[in-house]
Amino acid sequence: MDEIKLTQYSHGAGCGCKISPAVLEKILHSDFPKTMFSNLLVGNESKDDAAVFDMGNGNCIVSTTDFFMPIVDDSETFGAIASVNAISDVYAMGGTPLMAIAILGWPINKIAPEVAKHVLEGSRKICLEAGIPLAGGHSIDCPEPVFGLAVTGSLQKENLKRNDTARAGDLLYLTKSLGIGIITTAQKKGIVTAAHYDQAVESMTTLNWFGAEAGKLPYVHAMTDVTGFGLLGHLAEVCEGSNLSAQINFKDIPIFDFLDHYIQQKSTPGGTQRNWDSYGSKISSISDTQRAILADPQTSGGLLITIDPKHQNDFETIATHHGYDLKPFGKLSNHGHVLIDVI
């Protein structure tokens, strides 16, 4: 059982399994007459991270689900990463998680149930860290291992953060380094160093709890988390939803500082090209290396936050107090000739 390598049993990895933005748009299109629910503050129209329902007393319920196939071989680590990733959607709305329900698909004739037990143990540890119960779940016999959570959270209506409410002039921040897809692909190829791999795992298992704090700040105008569509994909959703453009400085974007070594060895996941095919026409001319990093599918990535520039010092001071060293990597402006201009 100790020699089981979960990634050998799946055709995709982590958020790299996500259906591309272009294909997803076709799936979500519906000719069914739209029904309006006045208390549904956020549904799927804005391509946001979670649904938000107004309880009518200033309190809101946040509901989300996220699951994927293994991105790492270790079962407990897989459960932990999948759980951090799912809980992140609540934080990305400015909310606080309340409880989680497990989603487990397992090839019971291929991998021993004891391995799945360790996946759940990894999830329980993360839920405990987030201060919530893993309160139940559902499991099926599945050709490939799949795990994730359905998470319920809460927030004050005034603290709700969406991905389509950014404003011209806002500064852009990212709370985790890019490059997860590149590193995990290198791990599957057997060329990643232990130190680099450990940095990726540490990032993926770090909760985005700062989102609940950022939600309380009125000058934070929009927020989302960066996952399978890469930074460019999720920033594109912010820009399109807010009818804005972005100018970003590549040198200021937080990335793992050793990515070039793996890019040169062609450790680029297939999801990168699928992402680029979906939105590359909306981006300014960039180098192959920049594309490999900016369209790299992130699993359990960081929060993308837009803030009023007049509050830059206040925001960075609060972030430092909570253990984050954040600096802006770009800004938003009125709609320009391209959706995202990479400088």
Protein backbone atom coordinates (compact mmCIF):
# COMPACT_ATOMS: atom_id res chain seq x y z
CA MET A 1 0.00 0.00 0.00
CA ASP A 2 2.87 2.38 0.76
CA GLU A 3 4.09 2.04 -2.84
CA ILE A 4 0.82 3.22 -4.37
CA LYS A 5 1.38 6.27 -6.59
CA LEU A 6 -2.00 7.87 -7.08
CA THR A 7 -1.04 9.98 -10.11
CA GLN A 8 -0.52 6.78 -12.11
CA TYR A 9 -4.25 6.09 -11.89
CA SER A 10 -5.54 9.35 -13.35
CA HIS A 11 -5.32 11.00 -16.74
CA GLY A 12 -5.30 14.51 -15.25
CA ALA A 13 -3.86 16.20 -12.20
CA GLY A 14 -5.47 18.56 -9.70
CA CYS A 15 -7.08 21.66 -11.17
CA GLY A 16 -5.43 20.77 -14.47
CA CYS A 17 -8.45 18.45 -14.84
CA LYS A 18 -10.74 21.45 -15.18
CA ILE A 19 -12.63 21.81 -18.43
CA SER A 20 -11.18 24.73 -20.40
CA PRO A 21 -12.91 28.12 -20.19
CA ALA A 22 -14.05 27.97 -23.83
CA VAL A 23 -15.59 24.50 -23.49
CA LEU A 24 -17.12 25.33 -20.12
CA GLU A 25 -18.86 28.35 -21.62
CA LYS A 26 -20.56 26.05 -24.14
CA ILE A 27 -21.64 23.66 -21.40
CA LEU A 28 -23.12 26.38 -19.22
CA HIS A 29 -25.04 28.02 -22.05
CA SER A 30 -28.73 27.31 -21.68
CA ASP A 31 -31.87 28.09 -23.66
CA PHE A 32 -33.97 27.25 -20.62
CA PRO A 33 -35.97 30.28 -19.46
CA LYS A 34 -34.04 32.00 -16.71
CA THR A 35 -35.72 31.94 -13.33
CA MET A 36 -34.98 34.81 -11.00
CA PHE A 37 -34.39 34.17 -7.32
CA SER A 38 -34.20 37.49 -5.54
CA ASN A 39 -32.18 36.12 -2.62
CA LEU A 40 -29.54 34.52 -4.86
CA LEU A 41 -26.86 37.21 -4.82
CA VAL A 42 -24.27 35.22 -6.78
CA GLY A 43 -25.06 32.36 -9.14
CA ASN A 44 -23.15 31.08 -12.16
CA GLU A 45 -23.76 34.13 -14.36
CA SER A 46 -20.60 35.89 -13.12
CA LYS A 47 -18.36 32.78 -13.26
CA ASP A 48 -17.63 33.38 -9.60
CA ASP A 49 -16.11 31.00 -7.06
CA ALA A 50 -19.21 30.13 -5.06
CA ALA A 51 -22.95 30.69 -4.86
CA VAL A 52 -24.18 33.19 -2.27
CA PHE A 53 -27.71 33.25 -0.87
CA ASP A 54 -29.08 36.17 1.16
CA MET A 55 -30.89 34.93 4.28
CA GLY A 56 -32.67 38.27 4.55
CA ASN A 57 -31.17 39.46 7.84
CA GLY A 58 -27.79 40.70 6.66
CA ASN A 59 -26.36 37.18 6.78
CA CYS A 60 -25.53 35.12 3.71
CA ILE A 61 -24.88 31.45 3.06
CA VAL A 62 -21.97 30.56 0.77
CA SER A 63 -22.07 27.23 -1.07
CA THR A 64 -19.42 25.64 -3.29
CA THR A 65 -17.98 22.35 -4.44
CA ASP A 66 -14.63 21.40 -5.93
CA PHE A 67 -13.03 18.04 -6.64
CA PHE A 68 -10.35 16.58 -8.88
CA MET A 69 -8.00 13.68 -9.58
CA PRO A 70 -4.67 13.27 -7.76
CA ILE A 71 -1.98 15.88 -8.24
CA VAL A 72 0.42 14.10 -5.86
CA ASP A 73 1.14 10.42 -5.17
CA ASP A 74 0.74 10.50 -1.40
CA SER A 75 -2.87 9.82 -0.42
CA GLU A 76 -3.02 11.97 2.71
CA THR A 77 -1.41 14.90 0.92
CA PHE A 78 -3.90 14.51 -1.93
CA GLY A 79 -6.79 14.74 0.53
CA ALA A 80 -5.27 17.80 2.15
CA ILE A 81 -4.68 19.65 -1.12
CA ALA A 82 -8.14 18.90 -2.47
CA SER A 83 -9.67 20.15 0.77
CA VAL A 84 -7.68 23.40 0.90
CA ASN A 85 -8.63 24.00 -2.73
CA ALA A 86 -12.36 23.51 -2.10
CA ILE A 87 -12.47 25.60 1.08
CA SER A 88 -10.66 28.38 -0.79
CA ASP A 89 -13.81 29.20 -2.76
CA VAL A 90 -15.54 30.32 0.44
CA TYR A 91 -12.59 32.50 1.43
CA ALA A 92 -12.52 33.96 -2.09
CA MET A 93 -16.03 35.33 -1.53
CA GLY A 94 -14.91 36.98 1.71
CA GLY A 95 -16.65 34.27 3.73
CA THR A 96 -15.90 31.95 6.63
CA PRO A 97 -16.35 28.18 6.15
CA LEU A 98 -18.86 26.38 8.40
CA MET A 99 -18.75 22.71 7.39
CA ALA A 100 -17.72 20.37 4.60
CA ILE A 101 -19.12 17.26 2.92
CA ALA A 102 -16.73 14.84 1.22
CA ILE A 103 -16.97 13.74 -2.43
CA LEU A 104 -15.08 10.50 -3.10
CA GLY A 105 -14.77 8.47 -6.28
CA TRP A 106 -12.58 5.39 -5.88
CA PRO A 107 -11.47 2.53 -8.18
CA ILE A 108 -12.11 -0.13 -5.54
CA ASN A 109 -10.80 -2.97 -7.72
CA LYS A 110 -7.51 -1.16 -8.37
CA ILE A 111 -6.58 0.67 -5.18
CA ALA A 112 -7.14 -0.65 -1.65
CA PRO A 113 -9.80 1.12 0.43
CA GLU A 114 -7.15 1.75 3.10
CA VAL A 115 -5.56 4.25 0.70
CA ALA A 116 -8.85 6.13 0.43
CA LYS A 117 -8.97 6.18 4.22
CA HIS A 118 -5.72 8.16 4.21
CA VAL A 119 -7.20 10.61 1.67
CA LEU A 120 -10.01 11.28 4.12
CA GLU A 121 -7.55 11.63 6.98
CA GLY A 122 -5.72 14.35 5.06
CA SER A 123 -9.03 16.10 4.53
CA ARG A 124 -9.98 15.85 8.21
CA LYS A 125 -6.71 17.50 9.22
CA ILE A 126 -7.32 20.46 6.91
CA CYS A 127 -10.93 20.82 8.02
CA LEU A 128 -9.74 20.83 11.63
CA GLU A 129 -7.20 23.53 10.75
CA ALA A 130 -10.00 25.57 9.15
CA GLY A 131 -12.12 25.05 12.27
CA ILE A 132 -14.90 23.12 10.53
CA PRO A 133 -16.24 19.56 10.67
CA LEU A 134 -16.00 17.08 7.84
CA ALA A 135 -19.64 16.32 8.45
CA GLY A 136 -20.42 13.57 5.95
CA GLY A 137 -20.18 12.83 2.27
CA HIS A 138 -20.87 10.50 -0.61
CA SER A 139 -18.71 7.90 -2.37
CA ILE A 140 -18.93 5.93 -5.61
CA ASP A 141 -16.94 3.24 -7.40
CA CYS A 142 -15.09 5.24 -10.06
CA PRO A 143 -12.54 4.35 -12.80
CA GLU A 144 -10.12 6.98 -11.45
CA PRO A 145 -9.55 8.32 -7.93
CA VAL A 146 -11.43 11.56 -7.34
CA PHE A 147 -11.73 13.59 -4.16
CA GLY A 148 -13.03 16.97 -3.08
CA LEU A 149 -15.49 18.76 -0.85
CA ALA A 150 -18.80 20.54 -0.91
CA VAL A 151 -18.34 23.44 1.51
CA THR A 152 -20.88 25.66 3.21
CA GLY A 153 -19.83 29.02 4.58
CA SER A 154 -21.26 32.28 5.86
CA LEU A 155 -20.60 35.97 5.51
CA GLN A 156 -22.09 39.34 6.27
CA LYS A 157 -23.75 40.71 3.15
CA GLU A 158 -21.70 43.90 3.36
CA ASN A 159 -18.49 41.83 3.23
CA LEU A 160 -19.36 39.90 0.06
CA LYS A 161 -16.56 40.01 -2.52
CA ARG A 162 -17.30 39.11 -6.12
CA ASN A 163 -15.03 38.68 -9.13
CA ASP A 164 -16.93 41.17 -11.29
CA THR A 165 -16.93 44.29 -9.10
CA ALA A 166 -13.42 45.62 -9.71
CA ARG A 167 -12.97 49.30 -10.54
CA ALA A 168 -10.73 51.26 -12.86
CA GLY A 169 -7.50 52.19 -11.08
CA ASP A 170 -7.56 49.17 -8.74
CA LEU A 171 -4.24 47.60 -7.87
CA LEU A 172 -3.77 43.83 -8.32
CA TYR A 173 -2.35 41.48 -5.69
CA LEU A 174 -1.72 37.72 -5.62
CA THR A 175 -1.18 35.84 -2.35
CA LYS A 176 0.63 32.71 -3.63
CA SER A 177 3.39 32.11 -6.16
CA LEU A 178 2.61 30.74 -9.63
CA GLY A 179 4.07 27.56 -11.09
CA ILE A 180 2.24 24.69 -9.39
CA GLY A 181 1.36 22.96 -12.66
CA ILE A 182 4.94 23.16 -13.89
CA ILE A 183 6.34 21.72 -10.65
CA THR A 184 3.85 18.87 -10.37
CA THR A 185 4.40 17.97 -14.02
CA ALA A 186 8.12 17.81 -13.30
CA GLN A 187 7.33 15.52 -10.36
CA LYS A 188 5.39 13.16 -12.63
CA LYS A 189 8.37 13.13 -15.02
CA GLY A 190 10.70 12.31 -12.14
CA ILE A 191 12.92 15.38 -12.55
CA VAL A 192 11.80 17.64 -9.71
CA THR A 193 14.06 18.18 -6.70
CA ALA A 194 12.67 17.36 -3.27
CA ALA A 195 13.09 20.95 -2.08
CA HIS A 196 11.15 22.39 -5.01
CA TYR A 197 8.41 19.79 -4.69
CA ASP A 198 8.08 20.47 -0.98
CA GLN A 199 7.62 24.19 -1.68
CA ALA A 200 4.79 23.38 -4.06
CA VAL A 201 3.09 21.08 -1.56
CA GLU A 202 3.43 23.66 1.21
CA SER A 203 1.75 26.24 -1.02
CA MET A 204 -1.09 23.90 -2.01
CA THR A 205 -1.80 22.92 1.59
CA THR A 206 -1.89 26.50 2.90
CA LEU A 207 -5.42 27.74 3.54
CA ASN A 208 -6.49 31.01 1.92
CA TRP A 209 -8.03 32.20 5.20
CA PHE A 210 -6.81 35.74 4.47
CA GLY A 211 -9.85 36.07 2.21
CA ALA A 212 -12.12 36.24 5.25
CA GLU A 213 -10.03 39.17 6.53
CA ALA A 214 -9.92 40.89 3.14
CA GLY A 215 -13.69 40.58 2.93
CA LYS A 216 -14.01 42.97 5.85
CA LEU A 217 -12.10 45.72 4.02
CA PRO A 218 -14.40 48.05 2.05
CA TYR A 219 -11.59 49.13 -0.26
CA VAL A 220 -11.14 45.56 -1.49
CA HIS A 221 -13.36 45.76 -4.55
CA ALA A 222 -13.06 42.26 -6.06
CA MET A 223 -11.56 38.91 -5.18
CA THR A 224 -11.22 35.43 -6.64
CA ASP A 225 -8.82 32.53 -6.32
CA VAL A 226 -6.42 31.43 -9.05
CA THR A 227 -6.84 27.78 -9.95
CA GLY A 228 -7.12 25.72 -13.14
CA PHE A 229 -7.49 28.55 -15.66
CA GLY A 230 -4.17 30.10 -14.62
CA LEU A 231 -3.60 33.71 -13.60
CA LEU A 232 -4.53 35.04 -17.03
CA GLY A 233 -7.77 33.09 -17.13
CA HIS A 234 -9.01 34.19 -13.74
CA LEU A 235 -7.85 37.77 -14.27
CA ALA A 236 -9.69 37.72 -17.60
CA GLU A 237 -12.89 36.80 -15.73
CA VAL A 238 -12.36 39.77 -13.41
CA CYS A 239 -11.75 42.10 -16.33
CA GLU A 240 -14.65 40.91 -18.48
CA GLY A 241 -17.08 40.83 -15.57
CA SER A 242 -16.07 44.36 -14.54
CA ASN A 243 -15.76 45.71 -18.13
CA LEU A 244 -12.12 46.65 -17.56
CA SER A 245 -8.65 45.90 -18.87
CA ALA A 246 -5.51 45.01 -16.93
CA GLN A 247 -1.87 46.00 -17.26
CA ILE A 248 0.44 43.61 -15.42
CA ASN A 249 4.19 43.70 -14.87
CA PHE A 250 5.60 40.21 -15.32
CA LYS A 251 8.62 40.88 -13.13
CA ASP A 252 6.36 41.83 -10.21
CA ILE A 253 4.18 38.71 -10.32
CA PRO A 254 4.98 36.26 -7.51
CA ILE A 255 6.36 33.04 -9.03
CA PHE A 256 8.56 30.22 -7.81
CA ASP A 257 12.07 31.37 -8.70
CA PHE A 258 13.21 28.06 -10.19
CA LEU A 259 10.58 27.58 -12.90
CA ASP A 260 12.84 28.28 -15.89
CA HIS A 261 14.79 25.09 -15.17
CA TYR A 262 11.67 22.97 -15.57
CA ILE A 263 10.19 24.92 -18.45
CA GLN A 264 13.37 24.28 -20.41
CA GLN A 265 12.83 20.57 -19.77
CA LYS A 266 9.30 20.84 -21.19
CA SER A 267 7.55 20.28 -17.87
CA THR A 268 4.46 22.15 -18.98
CA PRO A 269 1.08 20.54 -18.30
CA GLY A 270 -1.37 19.99 -21.13
CA GLY A 271 -3.84 22.32 -19.42
CA THR A 272 -1.59 25.29 -20.19
CA GLN A 273 -2.19 25.03 -23.93
CA ARG A 274 -5.91 24.41 -23.43
CA ASN A 275 -6.07 27.54 -21.31
CA TRP A 276 -4.18 29.61 -23.85
CA ASP A 277 -6.36 28.37 -26.70
CA SER A 278 -9.39 29.63 -24.74
CA TYR A 279 -8.22 33.19 -24.04
CA GLY A 280 -4.88 33.84 -25.76
CA SER A 281 -6.48 36.12 -28.34
CA LYS A 282 -7.39 38.53 -25.54
CA ILE A 283 -3.80 38.86 -24.27
CA SER A 284 -0.97 41.03 -25.56
CA SER A 285 2.04 39.44 -27.21
CA ILE A 286 4.08 37.47 -24.65
CA SER A 287 7.04 35.10 -24.68
CA ASP A 288 6.78 31.31 -24.49
CA THR A 289 8.13 31.40 -20.95
CA GLN A 290 5.60 34.00 -19.88
CA ARG A 291 2.79 31.96 -21.40
CA ALA A 292 4.00 28.80 -19.65
CA ILE A 293 3.78 30.58 -16.30
CA LEU A 294 0.77 32.86 -16.71
CA ALA A 295 -1.49 30.17 -18.25
CA ASP A 296 -0.18 27.43 -15.94
CA PRO A 297 -3.07 25.64 -14.20
CA GLN A 298 -2.81 26.29 -10.48
CA THR A 299 -4.09 23.82 -7.94
CA SER A 300 -5.05 25.40 -4.61
CA GLY A 301 -3.62 28.70 -5.84
CA GLY A 302 -3.64 32.07 -4.16
CA LEU A 303 -6.18 34.86 -3.94
CA LEU A 304 -6.32 37.50 -6.67
CA ILE A 305 -7.36 40.73 -4.96
CA THR A 306 -8.14 44.19 -6.38
CA ILE A 307 -7.98 47.25 -4.11
CA ASP A 308 -8.48 50.99 -4.21
CA PRO A 309 -4.97 52.46 -4.74
CA LYS A 310 -5.60 55.12 -2.08
CA HIS A 311 -5.50 52.32 0.51
CA GLN A 312 -2.35 50.58 -0.68
CA ASN A 313 -0.36 51.24 2.48
CA ASP A 314 -3.21 50.21 4.76
CA PHE A 315 -3.78 46.99 2.85
CA GLU A 316 -0.12 46.00 2.75
CA THR A 317 0.24 46.75 6.46
CA ILE A 318 -2.73 44.52 7.30
CA ALA A 319 -1.38 41.79 5.02
CA THR A 320 2.01 41.96 6.75
CA HIS A 321 0.30 41.68 10.12
CA HIS A 322 -1.27 38.43 8.91
CA GLY A 323 2.00 37.03 7.57
CA TYR A 324 1.78 38.07 3.91
CA ASP A 325 4.40 40.13 2.09
CA LEU A 326 2.24 41.55 -0.70
CA LYS A 327 3.12 44.00 -3.44
CA PRO A 328 0.99 45.01 -6.45
CA PHE A 329 1.83 43.40 -9.79
CA GLY A 330 -0.48 45.47 -11.97
CA LYS A 331 -3.53 47.66 -12.18
CA LEU A 332 -6.93 47.86 -13.84
CA SER A 333 -8.10 50.54 -16.26
CA ASN A 334 -10.98 51.35 -18.54
CA HIS A 335 -11.37 48.85 -21.36
CA GLY A 336 -8.38 49.06 -23.70
CA HIS A 337 -7.22 47.52 -26.99
CA VAL A 338 -6.46 44.20 -25.31
CA LEU A 339 -8.05 42.65 -22.25
CA ILE A 340 -4.73 42.02 -20.48
CA ASP A 341 -1.50 43.77 -21.40
CA VAL A 342 1.60 42.00 -20.08
CA ILE A 343 4.57 44.33 -19.71
